[in-house]
N, C-alpha and C. Protein backbone atom coordinates (compact mmCIF):
# COMPACT_ATOMS: atom_id res chain seq x y z
N UNK A 1 148.46 109.05 -299.32
CA UNK A 1 148.15 108.72 -297.93
C UNK A 1 147.69 109.96 -297.18
N UNK A 2 148.35 111.08 -297.43
CA UNK A 2 148.00 112.34 -296.76
C UNK A 2 146.62 112.82 -297.21
N UNK A 3 146.30 112.60 -298.50
CA UNK A 3 144.98 113.02 -299.01
C UNK A 3 143.85 112.23 -298.36
N UNK A 4 144.07 110.93 -298.18
CA UNK A 4 143.02 110.12 -297.54
C UNK A 4 142.83 110.52 -296.08
N UNK A 5 143.92 110.90 -295.44
CA UNK A 5 143.84 111.35 -294.05
C UNK A 5 143.05 112.66 -293.96
N UNK A 6 143.32 113.59 -294.86
CA UNK A 6 142.59 114.86 -294.87
C UNK A 6 141.12 114.65 -295.21
N UNK A 7 140.85 113.73 -296.12
CA UNK A 7 139.46 113.42 -296.47
C UNK A 7 138.73 112.83 -295.27
N UNK A 8 139.40 111.97 -294.54
CA UNK A 8 138.80 111.37 -293.35
C UNK A 8 138.50 112.44 -292.30
N UNK A 9 139.43 113.35 -292.11
CA UNK A 9 139.22 114.45 -291.15
C UNK A 9 138.03 115.30 -291.57
N UNK A 10 137.94 115.64 -292.84
CA UNK A 10 136.82 116.46 -293.33
C UNK A 10 135.49 115.74 -293.17
N UNK A 11 135.48 114.42 -293.38
CA UNK A 11 134.25 113.66 -293.19
C UNK A 11 133.82 113.68 -291.73
N UNK A 12 134.77 113.51 -290.84
CA UNK A 12 134.46 113.55 -289.40
C UNK A 12 133.96 114.93 -288.99
N UNK A 13 134.56 115.96 -289.54
CA UNK A 13 134.12 117.32 -289.21
C UNK A 13 132.69 117.57 -289.69
N UNK A 14 132.41 117.17 -290.92
CA UNK A 14 131.06 117.40 -291.46
C UNK A 14 130.02 116.59 -290.69
N UNK A 15 130.38 115.37 -290.28
CA UNK A 15 129.47 114.56 -289.48
C UNK A 15 129.25 115.19 -288.10
N UNK A 16 130.31 115.75 -287.52
CA UNK A 16 130.19 116.41 -286.23
C UNK A 16 129.28 117.63 -286.32
N UNK A 17 129.42 118.40 -287.38
CA UNK A 17 128.57 119.58 -287.57
C UNK A 17 127.11 119.16 -287.70
N UNK A 18 126.87 118.11 -288.48
CA UNK A 18 125.50 117.62 -288.67
C UNK A 18 124.90 117.16 -287.34
N UNK A 19 125.67 116.43 -286.55
CA UNK A 19 125.17 115.95 -285.25
C UNK A 19 124.96 117.10 -284.28
N UNK A 20 125.82 118.11 -284.33
CA UNK A 20 125.68 119.27 -283.45
C UNK A 20 124.39 120.02 -283.78
N UNK A 21 124.09 120.20 -285.06
CA UNK A 21 122.86 120.88 -285.46
C UNK A 21 121.64 120.07 -285.05
N UNK A 22 121.73 118.74 -285.13
CA UNK A 22 120.63 117.88 -284.71
C UNK A 22 120.38 118.02 -283.21
N UNK A 23 121.45 118.04 -282.42
CA UNK A 23 121.32 118.21 -280.97
C UNK A 23 120.72 119.57 -280.63
N UNK A 24 121.14 120.61 -281.33
CA UNK A 24 120.61 121.95 -281.08
C UNK A 24 119.12 122.01 -281.38
N UNK A 25 118.69 121.36 -282.46
CA UNK A 25 117.27 121.34 -282.81
C UNK A 25 116.46 120.60 -281.75
N UNK A 26 117.01 119.50 -281.24
CA UNK A 26 116.31 118.74 -280.19
C UNK A 26 116.21 119.55 -278.91
N UNK A 27 117.27 120.27 -278.54
CA UNK A 27 117.24 121.10 -277.34
C UNK A 27 116.21 122.21 -277.48
N UNK A 28 116.16 122.83 -278.65
CA UNK A 28 115.20 123.90 -278.89
C UNK A 28 113.78 123.38 -278.81
N UNK A 29 113.54 122.19 -279.33
CA UNK A 29 112.21 121.60 -279.27
C UNK A 29 111.81 121.31 -277.82
N UNK A 30 112.75 120.82 -277.01
CA UNK A 30 112.46 120.56 -275.60
C UNK A 30 112.11 121.84 -274.86
N UNK A 31 112.85 122.90 -275.12
CA UNK A 31 112.60 124.18 -274.45
C UNK A 31 111.24 124.73 -274.86
N UNK A 32 110.92 124.65 -276.16
CA UNK A 32 109.64 125.18 -276.63
C UNK A 32 108.47 124.41 -276.05
N UNK A 33 108.64 123.11 -275.83
CA UNK A 33 107.54 122.34 -275.25
C UNK A 33 107.42 122.57 -273.75
N UNK A 34 108.52 122.94 -273.10
CA UNK A 34 108.51 123.16 -271.65
C UNK A 34 107.91 124.52 -271.28
N UNK A 35 108.22 125.55 -272.05
CA UNK A 35 107.77 126.90 -271.74
C UNK A 35 106.75 127.36 -272.77
N UNK A 36 105.69 127.97 -272.30
CA UNK A 36 104.66 128.46 -273.21
C UNK A 36 105.02 129.85 -273.71
N UNK A 37 104.45 130.20 -274.84
CA UNK A 37 104.68 131.51 -275.44
C UNK A 37 103.94 132.57 -274.62
N UNK A 38 104.57 133.71 -274.41
CA UNK A 38 103.99 134.79 -273.63
C UNK A 38 103.69 135.96 -274.56
N UNK A 39 102.52 136.54 -274.43
CA UNK A 39 102.11 137.67 -275.26
C UNK A 39 102.50 138.99 -274.60
N UNK A 40 102.62 140.04 -275.41
CA UNK A 40 102.90 141.37 -274.88
C UNK A 40 101.76 141.82 -273.98
N UNK A 41 102.10 142.42 -272.84
CA UNK A 41 101.10 142.88 -271.90
C UNK A 41 100.66 141.83 -270.89
N UNK A 42 101.09 140.61 -271.09
CA UNK A 42 100.71 139.51 -270.19
C UNK A 42 101.59 139.53 -268.95
N UNK A 43 101.01 139.15 -267.81
CA UNK A 43 101.78 139.02 -266.58
C UNK A 43 102.58 137.73 -266.59
N UNK A 44 103.76 137.77 -266.00
CA UNK A 44 104.61 136.58 -265.93
C UNK A 44 105.31 136.57 -264.58
N UNK A 45 105.50 135.39 -264.04
CA UNK A 45 106.24 135.21 -262.81
C UNK A 45 107.69 134.94 -263.19
N UNK A 46 108.60 135.82 -262.75
CA UNK A 46 110.01 135.73 -263.12
C UNK A 46 110.80 135.25 -261.91
N UNK A 47 111.53 134.15 -262.08
CA UNK A 47 112.35 133.60 -261.00
C UNK A 47 113.64 134.40 -260.90
N UNK A 48 113.99 134.82 -259.70
CA UNK A 48 115.22 135.56 -259.45
C UNK A 48 116.29 134.57 -259.01
N UNK A 49 117.44 134.55 -259.69
CA UNK A 49 118.52 133.63 -259.28
C UNK A 49 118.98 133.91 -257.85
N UNK A 50 119.39 132.85 -257.16
CA UNK A 50 119.82 132.97 -255.76
C UNK A 50 120.95 133.98 -255.59
N UNK A 51 121.85 134.06 -256.57
CA UNK A 51 123.00 134.95 -256.46
C UNK A 51 122.60 136.42 -256.53
N UNK A 52 121.43 136.72 -257.11
CA UNK A 52 121.01 138.11 -257.31
C UNK A 52 120.01 138.61 -256.28
N UNK A 53 119.75 137.84 -255.23
CA UNK A 53 118.77 138.30 -254.25
C UNK A 53 119.30 138.10 -252.84
N UNK A 54 118.76 138.88 -251.94
CA UNK A 54 119.13 138.75 -250.54
C UNK A 54 118.42 137.57 -249.90
N UNK A 55 118.80 137.24 -248.68
CA UNK A 55 118.22 136.06 -248.02
C UNK A 55 116.75 136.29 -247.65
N UNK A 56 116.31 137.52 -247.49
CA UNK A 56 114.91 137.78 -247.15
C UNK A 56 114.08 138.19 -248.36
N UNK A 57 114.70 138.35 -249.51
CA UNK A 57 113.99 138.76 -250.72
C UNK A 57 113.19 137.57 -251.28
N UNK A 58 112.12 137.89 -251.98
CA UNK A 58 111.30 136.82 -252.55
C UNK A 58 112.02 136.15 -253.72
N UNK A 59 111.64 134.92 -253.98
CA UNK A 59 112.28 134.14 -255.05
C UNK A 59 111.79 134.54 -256.43
N UNK A 60 110.57 135.07 -256.50
CA UNK A 60 109.96 135.43 -257.77
C UNK A 60 109.42 136.86 -257.70
N UNK A 61 109.30 137.47 -258.87
CA UNK A 61 108.61 138.76 -258.93
C UNK A 61 107.58 138.69 -260.04
N UNK A 62 106.52 139.45 -259.88
CA UNK A 62 105.49 139.53 -260.90
C UNK A 62 105.88 140.66 -261.85
N UNK A 63 105.95 140.34 -263.14
CA UNK A 63 106.38 141.33 -264.13
C UNK A 63 105.41 141.31 -265.31
N UNK A 64 105.45 142.36 -266.10
CA UNK A 64 104.63 142.49 -267.30
C UNK A 64 105.55 142.47 -268.52
N UNK A 65 105.16 141.71 -269.54
CA UNK A 65 105.96 141.64 -270.76
C UNK A 65 105.76 142.93 -271.54
N UNK A 66 106.87 143.65 -271.79
CA UNK A 66 106.80 144.93 -272.49
C UNK A 66 107.04 144.77 -273.99
N UNK A 67 107.99 143.91 -274.36
CA UNK A 67 108.28 143.69 -275.77
C UNK A 67 108.96 142.35 -275.94
N UNK A 68 109.01 141.90 -277.21
CA UNK A 68 109.66 140.64 -277.54
C UNK A 68 110.49 140.84 -278.80
N UNK A 69 111.71 140.29 -278.77
CA UNK A 69 112.56 140.33 -279.96
C UNK A 69 113.42 139.08 -279.97
N UNK A 70 113.32 138.30 -281.04
CA UNK A 70 114.10 137.08 -281.22
C UNK A 70 113.92 136.12 -280.05
N UNK A 71 112.67 135.93 -279.63
CA UNK A 71 112.31 135.04 -278.52
C UNK A 71 112.92 135.45 -277.18
N UNK A 72 113.32 136.70 -277.05
CA UNK A 72 113.76 137.26 -275.78
C UNK A 72 112.76 138.34 -275.39
N UNK A 73 112.48 138.43 -274.10
CA UNK A 73 111.45 139.34 -273.62
C UNK A 73 112.04 140.45 -272.78
N UNK A 74 111.48 141.65 -272.93
CA UNK A 74 111.79 142.75 -272.03
C UNK A 74 110.62 142.84 -271.07
N UNK A 75 110.90 142.77 -269.78
CA UNK A 75 109.83 142.77 -268.79
C UNK A 75 110.02 143.91 -267.81
N UNK A 76 108.90 144.41 -267.32
CA UNK A 76 108.92 145.48 -266.34
C UNK A 76 108.21 145.06 -265.07
N UNK A 77 108.68 145.55 -263.96
CA UNK A 77 108.07 145.25 -262.66
C UNK A 77 107.81 146.58 -261.96
N UNK A 78 107.37 146.51 -260.72
CA UNK A 78 107.06 147.73 -259.97
C UNK A 78 108.32 148.57 -259.73
N UNK A 79 109.49 147.94 -259.77
CA UNK A 79 110.75 148.66 -259.56
C UNK A 79 111.34 149.21 -260.84
N UNK A 80 110.77 148.88 -261.99
CA UNK A 80 111.27 149.36 -263.27
C UNK A 80 111.48 148.22 -264.25
N UNK A 81 112.13 148.55 -265.37
CA UNK A 81 112.40 147.55 -266.41
C UNK A 81 113.59 146.70 -265.97
N UNK A 82 113.44 145.38 -266.07
CA UNK A 82 114.52 144.48 -265.69
C UNK A 82 115.57 144.45 -266.80
N UNK A 83 116.82 144.62 -266.43
CA UNK A 83 117.90 144.62 -267.42
C UNK A 83 118.14 143.22 -267.96
N UNK A 84 118.52 142.30 -267.08
CA UNK A 84 118.73 140.91 -267.47
C UNK A 84 118.81 140.06 -266.22
N UNK A 85 118.63 138.76 -266.41
CA UNK A 85 118.71 137.82 -265.29
C UNK A 85 119.84 136.85 -265.53
């Protein structure tokens, strides 16, 4: 009886892992279709989160893509290289 219970648990776990990977792939596909690929040296409009800007500061800044690694971009603006958003 205990073995069947453990087998059932393992089946549920493996099914959960499979479904989680499927959801992750679908989310990645949605993101890739929503945002276009940016090349190095290209200008990009970067949205500044509300928490990181003052009430009179602009919502976006114009930045240049400096490098790309693992689908993450390093961008620079007139004030310098942006650390993170």
